[in-house]
């Protein structure tokens, strides 16, 4: 903590302007992290540095651990997002944070922060090759919406029926960033990239038969895309796709003069 801030805090405490509990919280917030149960150091400055609070990866964590981490974020006035949430854990989180929202398809739990009250900034369109890709696409959608972007989901418009995609061409060209989710051979991002003037974040999924190798075939296909505006994240990494798309879209929206008062 900066000595000047510490001196101001001591003066306020001595004068009775703040309570000891409030002073303790201020010290905790100023140091940039909060300890939770001896198993986590919750990053309280992530929102200030990156424009978005720390996101919790739920897989491998107990319900008690996740609840304690979210409690620290909520205590300091921040929104929170948890990915890869098991149904039993979701029940606990919903009971502890009744104003939160569990998405069973995306396996996410989200409690909106103050930034959600502002207008949407930036346009993200998420495209799936097939209905089986929806869990990954929904994870991307929830993440981009948590970044307060205007998000549209176009499902089941893969290359096996290209006319379905072409019927949505106006949606593609209006986007600031696209997230394209596909399994099998992973061809859809190249097609979308060739039709769109904005960055395309390709997300390979583990959907497919044996030679798909749990998404490796789609990953390699996307990495070898001939469309120059396509970049690729990890297999089934809907969160990463939605997060990066949100960053890009918000910058574009702010360049147009859209603003909601939160960091980019």
Protein backbone atom coordinates (compact mmCIF):
# COMPACT_ATOMS: atom_id res chain seq x y z
CA UNK A 1 0.00 0.00 0.00
CA UNK A 2 1.28 3.53 -0.80
CA UNK A 3 2.30 5.29 2.46
CA UNK A 4 0.11 8.33 1.65
CA UNK A 5 -2.95 6.07 1.27
CA UNK A 6 -2.09 4.27 4.47
CA UNK A 7 -1.79 7.56 6.39
CA UNK A 8 -5.17 8.70 5.04
CA UNK A 9 -6.70 5.41 6.09
CA UNK A 10 -5.27 5.70 9.63
CA UNK A 11 -6.61 9.26 9.92
CA UNK A 12 -10.08 8.16 8.82
CA UNK A 13 -10.01 5.28 11.28
CA UNK A 14 -8.84 7.49 14.16
CA UNK A 15 -11.55 10.06 13.45
CA UNK A 16 -14.24 7.42 13.30
CA UNK A 17 -15.02 8.15 9.65
CA UNK A 18 -14.70 4.45 8.85
CA UNK A 19 -15.03 1.27 10.91
CA UNK A 20 -12.19 -1.16 11.59
CA UNK A 21 -13.87 -3.73 9.30
CA UNK A 22 -14.05 -1.20 6.47
CA UNK A 23 -10.40 -0.28 7.02
CA UNK A 24 -9.37 -3.94 6.88
CA UNK A 25 -11.23 -4.39 3.59
CA UNK A 26 -9.56 -1.27 2.19
CA UNK A 27 -6.11 -2.62 3.08
CA UNK A 28 -6.98 -5.94 1.48
CA UNK A 29 -8.22 -4.28 -1.69
CA UNK A 30 -5.18 -2.02 -1.93
CA UNK A 31 -2.75 -4.93 -1.74
CA UNK A 32 -4.35 -6.31 -4.88
CA UNK A 33 -5.43 -9.75 -3.70
CA UNK A 34 -7.44 -11.45 -1.01
CA UNK A 35 -6.69 -14.77 0.64
CA UNK A 36 -9.52 -17.28 0.55
CA UNK A 37 -9.43 -20.21 2.94
CA UNK A 38 -5.69 -20.75 2.66
CA UNK A 39 -6.04 -22.28 -0.82
CA UNK A 40 -6.42 -19.22 -3.10
CA UNK A 41 -5.16 -15.67 -3.57
CA UNK A 42 -8.00 -13.92 -5.38
CA UNK A 43 -6.76 -11.24 -7.79
CA UNK A 44 -8.72 -8.08 -6.94
CA UNK A 45 -6.88 -5.87 -9.46
CA UNK A 46 -7.55 -8.04 -12.51
CA UNK A 47 -10.54 -5.87 -13.43
CA UNK A 48 -8.42 -2.69 -13.24
CA UNK A 49 -5.56 -4.18 -15.26
CA UNK A 50 -7.52 -6.18 -17.83
CA UNK A 51 -11.06 -4.80 -17.72
CA UNK A 52 -12.55 -8.02 -16.40
CA UNK A 53 -12.49 -9.68 -12.94
CA UNK A 54 -10.61 -12.91 -12.35
CA UNK A 55 -12.43 -15.90 -13.90
CA UNK A 56 -12.58 -19.13 -11.90
CA UNK A 57 -11.87 -22.45 -13.62
CA UNK A 58 -14.25 -24.73 -11.76
CA UNK A 59 -12.92 -28.13 -12.79
CA UNK A 60 -10.91 -29.67 -9.96
CA UNK A 61 -12.18 -27.25 -7.32
CA UNK A 62 -14.67 -28.15 -4.60
CA UNK A 63 -17.92 -26.28 -4.08
CA UNK A 64 -16.52 -24.84 -0.83
CA UNK A 65 -13.44 -23.52 -2.61
CA UNK A 66 -15.39 -21.90 -5.44
CA UNK A 67 -17.90 -20.38 -3.04
CA UNK A 68 -15.09 -18.87 -0.96
CA UNK A 69 -13.38 -17.39 -4.03
CA UNK A 70 -16.61 -15.89 -5.35
CA UNK A 71 -17.36 -14.56 -1.90
CA UNK A 72 -14.18 -12.50 -1.99
CA UNK A 73 -15.00 -11.09 -5.43
CA UNK A 74 -18.54 -10.21 -4.38
CA UNK A 75 -17.30 -8.70 -1.12
CA UNK A 76 -15.18 -6.29 -3.15
CA UNK A 77 -17.99 -5.31 -5.50
CA UNK A 78 -16.93 -7.36 -8.50
CA UNK A 79 -18.83 -9.64 -10.83
CA UNK A 80 -17.74 -13.24 -11.22
CA UNK A 81 -17.69 -16.00 -13.79
CA UNK A 82 -16.98 -19.68 -13.18
CA UNK A 83 -16.38 -22.12 -16.04
CA UNK A 84 -16.65 -25.92 -16.12
CA UNK A 85 -19.12 -26.11 -13.25
CA UNK A 86 -20.49 -29.54 -12.30
CA UNK A 87 -24.27 -29.76 -11.66
CA UNK A 88 -23.87 -30.51 -7.95
CA UNK A 89 -21.52 -27.55 -7.53
CA UNK A 90 -23.96 -25.35 -9.46
CA UNK A 91 -26.66 -26.14 -6.91
CA UNK A 92 -24.44 -24.93 -4.09
CA UNK A 93 -23.47 -21.76 -5.93
CA UNK A 94 -27.06 -20.94 -6.83
CA UNK A 95 -28.05 -21.26 -3.18
CA UNK A 96 -25.12 -19.13 -2.01
CA UNK A 97 -25.53 -16.48 -4.73
CA UNK A 98 -29.22 -16.46 -5.72
CA UNK A 99 -28.70 -13.48 -8.05
CA UNK A 100 -26.26 -15.57 -10.13
CA UNK A 101 -27.12 -17.59 -13.24
CA UNK A 102 -26.16 -21.17 -14.01
CA UNK A 103 -26.02 -22.23 -17.67
CA UNK A 104 -26.24 -26.02 -17.76
CA UNK A 105 -25.23 -26.26 -21.43
CA UNK A 106 -22.19 -24.00 -21.08
CA UNK A 107 -21.40 -25.36 -17.60
CA UNK A 108 -20.93 -21.79 -16.36
CA UNK A 109 -22.06 -19.82 -13.34
CA UNK A 110 -22.15 -16.06 -13.63
CA UNK A 111 -22.99 -13.27 -11.24
CA UNK A 112 -23.13 -9.96 -13.08
CA UNK A 113 -21.04 -7.06 -11.81
CA UNK A 114 -21.71 -3.30 -11.87
CA UNK A 115 -20.50 -3.06 -15.48
CA UNK A 116 -23.50 -5.10 -16.64
CA UNK A 117 -25.78 -2.13 -15.92
CA UNK A 118 -24.12 -0.10 -18.67
CA UNK A 119 -24.90 -0.22 -22.41
CA UNK A 120 -23.46 -3.01 -24.56
CA UNK A 121 -20.14 -2.27 -26.24
CA UNK A 122 -18.99 -4.13 -29.36
CA UNK A 123 -20.65 -6.84 -31.43
CA UNK A 124 -19.66 -10.51 -31.20
CA UNK A 125 -21.17 -13.23 -33.36
CA UNK A 126 -20.64 -16.88 -32.40
CA UNK A 127 -21.09 -19.50 -35.12
CA UNK A 128 -21.30 -23.26 -34.64
CA UNK A 129 -20.83 -25.94 -37.26
CA UNK A 130 -23.29 -28.32 -35.59
CA UNK A 131 -25.68 -28.59 -32.66
CA UNK A 132 -23.18 -30.88 -30.91
CA UNK A 133 -20.79 -27.92 -30.66
CA UNK A 134 -23.26 -25.91 -28.56
CA UNK A 135 -21.67 -26.52 -25.13
CA UNK A 136 -18.42 -24.92 -26.29
CA UNK A 137 -20.26 -22.16 -28.16
CA UNK A 138 -22.43 -21.39 -25.14
CA UNK A 139 -19.32 -21.06 -22.98
CA UNK A 140 -18.03 -18.50 -25.50
CA UNK A 141 -21.38 -16.70 -25.53
CA UNK A 142 -21.62 -16.40 -21.75
CA UNK A 143 -18.03 -15.14 -21.59
CA UNK A 144 -18.52 -12.47 -24.27
CA UNK A 145 -21.77 -11.37 -22.63
CA UNK A 146 -19.96 -11.12 -19.30
CA UNK A 147 -17.63 -8.64 -21.04
CA UNK A 148 -20.81 -6.63 -21.74
CA UNK A 149 -20.77 -7.17 -25.51
CA UNK A 150 -23.79 -7.52 -27.78
CA UNK A 151 -23.67 -11.23 -28.63
CA UNK A 152 -25.48 -13.23 -31.31
CA UNK A 153 -25.35 -17.03 -31.62
CA UNK A 154 -25.80 -18.71 -35.01
CA UNK A 155 -26.06 -22.46 -34.47
CA UNK A 156 -25.81 -25.42 -36.86
CA UNK A 157 -24.63 -23.66 -40.02
CA UNK A 158 -21.71 -25.92 -40.95
CA UNK A 159 -20.14 -26.56 -44.34
CA UNK A 160 -22.25 -29.67 -45.05
CA UNK A 161 -25.10 -27.27 -45.83
CA UNK A 162 -23.39 -24.05 -46.83
CA UNK A 163 -26.66 -22.31 -47.82
CA UNK A 164 -27.52 -22.12 -44.11
CA UNK A 165 -24.43 -19.99 -43.44
CA UNK A 166 -24.93 -17.79 -46.51
CA UNK A 167 -28.44 -16.94 -45.33
CA UNK A 168 -26.82 -15.30 -42.25
CA UNK A 169 -24.20 -13.34 -44.18
CA UNK A 170 -25.46 -9.97 -42.97
CA UNK A 171 -24.89 -11.06 -39.35
CA UNK A 172 -21.30 -12.03 -40.15
CA UNK A 173 -20.41 -8.76 -41.84
CA UNK A 174 -21.88 -6.66 -38.99
CA UNK A 175 -19.69 -8.29 -36.33
CA UNK A 176 -16.61 -6.75 -34.73
CA UNK A 177 -15.30 -10.22 -33.92
CA UNK A 178 -16.42 -13.75 -34.77
CA UNK A 179 -16.04 -16.95 -32.78
CA UNK A 180 -16.38 -20.03 -34.99
CA UNK A 181 -16.81 -23.34 -33.17
CA UNK A 182 -16.41 -26.60 -35.11
CA UNK A 183 -15.39 -30.21 -34.70
CA UNK A 184 -15.01 -32.97 -37.31
CA UNK A 185 -12.50 -31.66 -39.90
CA UNK A 186 -12.75 -28.04 -38.65
CA UNK A 187 -13.40 -26.42 -42.04
CA UNK A 188 -15.96 -23.79 -41.01
CA UNK A 189 -13.57 -21.04 -39.77
CA UNK A 190 -11.85 -20.88 -43.16
CA UNK A 191 -15.18 -20.43 -44.92
CA UNK A 192 -16.34 -17.77 -42.44
CA UNK A 193 -12.96 -16.03 -42.65
CA UNK A 194 -13.31 -15.79 -46.41
CA UNK A 195 -16.69 -14.09 -46.04
CA UNK A 196 -15.99 -11.70 -43.18
CA UNK A 197 -13.97 -8.49 -42.76
CA UNK A 198 -13.22 -8.95 -39.06
CA UNK A 199 -11.02 -11.21 -36.91
CA UNK A 200 -12.19 -14.83 -36.64
CA UNK A 201 -11.34 -16.78 -33.48
CA UNK A 202 -11.55 -20.46 -34.34
CA UNK A 203 -12.39 -22.92 -31.55
CA UNK A 204 -11.87 -26.60 -32.40
CA UNK A 205 -14.07 -29.03 -30.52
CA UNK A 206 -13.56 -32.67 -29.59
CA UNK A 207 -16.73 -33.58 -31.52
CA UNK A 208 -16.14 -36.19 -34.23
CA UNK A 209 -15.40 -39.82 -35.00
CA UNK A 210 -12.16 -41.71 -34.32
CA UNK A 211 -9.84 -39.96 -36.78
CA UNK A 212 -10.90 -36.64 -35.30
CA UNK A 213 -8.58 -37.61 -32.41
CA UNK A 214 -10.67 -35.74 -29.80
CA UNK A 215 -10.36 -32.44 -31.66
CA UNK A 216 -6.77 -32.67 -32.86
CA UNK A 217 -7.83 -33.01 -36.51
CA UNK A 218 -10.00 -29.89 -36.24
CA UNK A 219 -7.21 -28.02 -34.45
CA UNK A 220 -4.65 -28.82 -37.14
CA UNK A 221 -7.11 -27.97 -39.89
CA UNK A 222 -7.79 -24.57 -38.34
CA UNK A 223 -4.11 -23.87 -37.78
CA UNK A 224 -3.57 -24.50 -41.49
CA UNK A 225 -6.42 -22.23 -42.57
CA UNK A 226 -5.87 -20.33 -45.82
CA UNK A 227 -8.04 -17.45 -44.52
CA UNK A 228 -5.64 -14.80 -43.22
CA UNK A 229 -7.98 -13.42 -40.55
CA UNK A 230 -8.31 -16.74 -38.66
CA UNK A 231 -6.55 -17.36 -35.34
CA UNK A 232 -7.01 -20.47 -33.21
CA UNK A 233 -7.42 -21.25 -29.51
CA UNK A 234 -7.24 -24.60 -27.75
CA UNK A 235 -9.58 -27.57 -28.17
CA UNK A 236 -12.99 -27.00 -26.49
CA UNK A 237 -11.74 -23.62 -25.20
CA UNK A 238 -14.97 -21.69 -25.62
CA UNK A 239 -14.01 -19.39 -22.76
CA UNK A 240 -10.81 -18.31 -24.51
CA UNK A 241 -12.62 -17.70 -27.78
CA UNK A 242 -15.31 -15.60 -26.11
CA UNK A 243 -12.81 -13.66 -24.04
CA UNK A 244 -10.57 -12.70 -26.96
CA UNK A 245 -13.58 -11.84 -29.14
CA UNK A 246 -14.87 -9.64 -26.33
CA UNK A 247 -11.58 -7.77 -26.11
CA UNK A 248 -11.54 -7.11 -29.85
CA UNK A 249 -15.21 -6.15 -30.05
CA UNK A 250 -15.03 -3.76 -27.12
CA UNK A 251 -12.09 -1.92 -28.67
CA UNK A 252 -14.02 -1.61 -31.93
CA UNK A 253 -17.13 -0.43 -30.11
CA UNK A 254 -15.23 2.17 -28.16
CA UNK A 255 -13.65 3.42 -31.40
CA UNK A 256 -17.19 4.03 -32.66
CA UNK A 257 -17.93 6.05 -29.56
CA UNK A 258 -19.75 3.36 -27.58
CA UNK A 259 -18.86 3.50 -23.90
CA UNK A 260 -20.15 1.97 -20.68
CA UNK A 261 -17.61 3.40 -18.26
CA UNK A 262 -15.61 0.20 -17.72
CA UNK A 263 -11.98 -0.43 -18.80
CA UNK A 264 -11.39 -1.86 -22.25
